[in-house]
Amino acid sequence: MDGYFSCATATTDLLRILIAVNNFSTFESHIERIKGERLACDFDSCTSRNNALWKLAGPPYHLIISGV
């Protein structure tokens, strides 16, 4: 063995965001902010508490913005 080990790992994970709001204009402003920052992310949206709870049962989110 040559003793060289690389600890660098490549990741393709995107920042996962859940936006749960019941007002479309609020939702739209959050999307515009995300696009303006040019974040590499994957986001889901919902407009009800029940739908938000259902989405939270899936893979974890890095950020949750909620108004429901």
N, C-alpha and C. Protein backbone atom coordinates (compact mmCIF):
# COMPACT_ATOMS: atom_id res chain seq x y z
N MET A 1 0.82 -1.18 0.00
CA MET A 1 0.00 0.00 0.00
C MET A 1 0.86 1.24 0.00
N ASP A 2 0.43 2.27 -0.70
CA ASP A 2 1.27 3.46 -0.80
C ASP A 2 1.00 4.50 0.29
N GLY A 3 0.05 4.27 1.17
CA GLY A 3 -0.21 5.19 2.27
C GLY A 3 -1.05 6.39 1.89
N TYR A 4 -1.52 6.46 0.66
CA TYR A 4 -2.32 7.60 0.22
C TYR A 4 -3.81 7.24 0.35
N PHE A 5 -4.49 8.01 1.15
CA PHE A 5 -5.93 7.82 1.30
C PHE A 5 -6.60 9.15 1.00
N SER A 6 -7.64 9.11 0.24
CA SER A 6 -8.40 10.32 -0.05
C SER A 6 -9.65 10.34 0.81
N CYS A 7 -9.83 11.42 1.53
CA CYS A 7 -11.03 11.54 2.34
C CYS A 7 -12.07 12.40 1.63
N ALA A 8 -11.78 12.85 0.43
CA ALA A 8 -12.72 13.66 -0.33
C ALA A 8 -13.83 12.77 -0.87
N THR A 9 -15.04 13.22 -0.69
CA THR A 9 -16.17 12.47 -1.22
C THR A 9 -17.02 13.41 -2.05
N ALA A 10 -17.53 12.92 -3.12
CA ALA A 10 -18.42 13.71 -3.96
C ALA A 10 -19.85 13.45 -3.52
N THR A 11 -20.61 14.51 -3.43
CA THR A 11 -22.01 14.35 -3.05
C THR A 11 -22.89 15.01 -4.10
N THR A 12 -24.00 14.39 -4.37
CA THR A 12 -24.96 14.96 -5.30
C THR A 12 -26.22 15.36 -4.56
N ASP A 13 -26.18 15.34 -3.24
CA ASP A 13 -27.35 15.71 -2.45
C ASP A 13 -27.63 17.20 -2.61
N LEU A 14 -28.88 17.49 -2.88
CA LEU A 14 -29.31 18.88 -2.96
C LEU A 14 -29.94 19.28 -1.64
N LEU A 15 -29.92 20.55 -1.36
CA LEU A 15 -30.62 21.09 -0.22
C LEU A 15 -32.11 20.86 -0.43
N ARG A 16 -32.77 20.19 0.50
CA ARG A 16 -34.20 19.90 0.38
C ARG A 16 -34.98 20.89 1.23
N ILE A 17 -35.94 21.57 0.59
CA ILE A 17 -36.73 22.59 1.26
C ILE A 17 -38.21 22.25 1.13
N LEU A 18 -38.95 22.39 2.23
CA LEU A 18 -40.41 22.27 2.20
C LEU A 18 -40.98 23.64 2.49
N ILE A 19 -41.83 24.13 1.59
CA ILE A 19 -42.52 25.40 1.79
C ILE A 19 -44.00 25.09 1.98
N ALA A 20 -44.49 25.34 3.19
CA ALA A 20 -45.88 25.05 3.53
C ALA A 20 -46.58 26.36 3.89
N VAL A 21 -47.28 26.93 2.94
CA VAL A 21 -47.99 28.19 3.16
C VAL A 21 -49.37 28.10 2.52
N ASN A 22 -50.32 28.84 3.07
CA ASN A 22 -51.66 28.81 2.49
C ASN A 22 -51.97 30.07 1.70
N ASN A 23 -50.98 30.89 1.45
CA ASN A 23 -51.15 32.12 0.69
C ASN A 23 -50.20 32.07 -0.51
N PHE A 24 -50.75 32.10 -1.71
CA PHE A 24 -49.92 31.94 -2.90
C PHE A 24 -48.89 33.06 -3.04
N SER A 25 -49.24 34.29 -2.69
CA SER A 25 -48.27 35.38 -2.84
C SER A 25 -47.08 35.18 -1.91
N THR A 26 -47.31 34.63 -0.72
CA THR A 26 -46.20 34.32 0.19
C THR A 26 -45.33 33.23 -0.41
N PHE A 27 -45.95 32.21 -0.94
CA PHE A 27 -45.21 31.12 -1.59
C PHE A 27 -44.37 31.67 -2.74
N GLU A 28 -44.98 32.51 -3.55
CA GLU A 28 -44.28 33.08 -4.70
C GLU A 28 -43.07 33.91 -4.27
N SER A 29 -43.19 34.66 -3.19
CA SER A 29 -42.06 35.47 -2.73
C SER A 29 -40.90 34.59 -2.24
N HIS A 30 -41.22 33.46 -1.61
CA HIS A 30 -40.17 32.54 -1.17
C HIS A 30 -39.45 31.93 -2.38
N ILE A 31 -40.19 31.56 -3.39
CA ILE A 31 -39.59 30.98 -4.60
C ILE A 31 -38.71 32.00 -5.30
N GLU A 32 -39.15 33.23 -5.38
CA GLU A 32 -38.34 34.28 -6.01
C GLU A 32 -37.04 34.49 -5.24
N ARG A 33 -37.09 34.41 -3.92
CA ARG A 33 -35.88 34.57 -3.11
C ARG A 33 -34.91 33.43 -3.38
N ILE A 34 -35.43 32.20 -3.42
CA ILE A 34 -34.58 31.03 -3.68
C ILE A 34 -33.94 31.14 -5.06
N LYS A 35 -34.73 31.52 -6.05
CA LYS A 35 -34.18 31.67 -7.41
C LYS A 35 -33.15 32.79 -7.46
N GLY A 36 -33.41 33.88 -6.72
CA GLY A 36 -32.49 35.02 -6.71
C GLY A 36 -31.15 34.66 -6.10
N GLU A 37 -31.15 33.79 -5.11
CA GLU A 37 -29.90 33.36 -4.48
C GLU A 37 -29.20 32.27 -5.29
N ARG A 38 -29.88 31.73 -6.28
CA ARG A 38 -29.35 30.66 -7.14
C ARG A 38 -28.87 29.47 -6.31
N LEU A 39 -29.71 29.07 -5.39
CA LEU A 39 -29.39 27.92 -4.55
C LEU A 39 -29.60 26.63 -5.33
N ALA A 40 -28.71 25.70 -5.15
CA ALA A 40 -28.89 24.37 -5.73
C ALA A 40 -29.76 23.60 -4.75
N CYS A 41 -31.05 23.55 -5.05
CA CYS A 41 -31.96 22.92 -4.10
C CYS A 41 -33.11 22.22 -4.81
N ASP A 42 -33.77 21.41 -4.05
CA ASP A 42 -34.97 20.71 -4.47
C ASP A 42 -36.04 21.10 -3.47
N PHE A 43 -37.18 21.62 -3.94
CA PHE A 43 -38.18 22.03 -2.97
C PHE A 43 -39.54 21.43 -3.28
N ASP A 44 -40.27 21.21 -2.21
CA ASP A 44 -41.66 20.76 -2.28
C ASP A 44 -42.52 21.86 -1.70
N SER A 45 -43.76 21.89 -2.10
CA SER A 45 -44.67 22.88 -1.56
C SER A 45 -45.99 22.23 -1.21
N CYS A 46 -46.70 22.84 -0.28
CA CYS A 46 -48.03 22.38 0.08
C CYS A 46 -48.79 23.55 0.69
N THR A 47 -50.12 23.41 0.72
CA THR A 47 -50.94 24.51 1.20
C THR A 47 -51.81 24.14 2.39
N SER A 48 -51.59 22.97 2.97
CA SER A 48 -52.39 22.58 4.13
C SER A 48 -51.52 21.88 5.16
N ARG A 49 -51.98 21.91 6.39
CA ARG A 49 -51.26 21.25 7.48
C ARG A 49 -51.18 19.74 7.24
N ASN A 50 -52.28 19.13 6.82
CA ASN A 50 -52.30 17.69 6.59
C ASN A 50 -51.32 17.28 5.49
N ASN A 51 -51.29 18.06 4.43
CA ASN A 51 -50.36 17.77 3.34
C ASN A 51 -48.92 17.91 3.81
N ALA A 52 -48.65 18.93 4.64
CA ALA A 52 -47.30 19.12 5.17
C ALA A 52 -46.88 17.93 6.03
N LEU A 53 -47.78 17.45 6.88
CA LEU A 53 -47.47 16.30 7.72
C LEU A 53 -47.19 15.06 6.88
N TRP A 54 -47.94 14.89 5.81
CA TRP A 54 -47.74 13.76 4.91
C TRP A 54 -46.35 13.83 4.26
N LYS A 55 -45.96 15.04 3.82
CA LYS A 55 -44.65 15.21 3.19
C LYS A 55 -43.51 15.00 4.19
N LEU A 56 -43.73 15.37 5.44
CA LEU A 56 -42.69 15.21 6.46
C LEU A 56 -42.43 13.75 6.80
N ALA A 57 -43.34 12.87 6.43
CA ALA A 57 -43.14 11.44 6.68
C ALA A 57 -42.12 10.83 5.72
N GLY A 58 -41.78 11.56 4.67
CA GLY A 58 -40.82 11.06 3.67
C GLY A 58 -39.39 11.41 4.04
N PRO A 59 -38.54 11.51 3.02
CA PRO A 59 -37.13 11.86 3.27
C PRO A 59 -37.02 13.21 4.00
N PRO A 60 -35.99 13.38 4.82
CA PRO A 60 -35.89 14.60 5.64
C PRO A 60 -35.59 15.85 4.80
N TYR A 61 -36.05 16.97 5.33
CA TYR A 61 -35.79 18.28 4.70
C TYR A 61 -34.70 18.99 5.49
N HIS A 62 -33.93 19.81 4.79
CA HIS A 62 -32.90 20.62 5.45
C HIS A 62 -33.50 21.92 6.00
N LEU A 63 -34.57 22.38 5.36
CA LEU A 63 -35.20 23.64 5.76
C LEU A 63 -36.70 23.52 5.56
N ILE A 64 -37.47 23.98 6.54
CA ILE A 64 -38.92 23.99 6.44
C ILE A 64 -39.39 25.41 6.69
N ILE A 65 -40.14 25.96 5.72
CA ILE A 65 -40.74 27.28 5.87
C ILE A 65 -42.23 27.03 5.96
N SER A 66 -42.84 27.41 7.08
CA SER A 66 -44.25 27.06 7.28
C SER A 66 -45.07 28.25 7.72
N GLY A 67 -46.26 28.31 7.17
CA GLY A 67 -47.23 29.31 7.57
C GLY A 67 -48.61 28.67 7.69
N VAL A 68 -48.65 27.34 7.76
CA VAL A 68 -49.94 26.63 7.89
C VAL A 68 -50.08 26.04 9.27
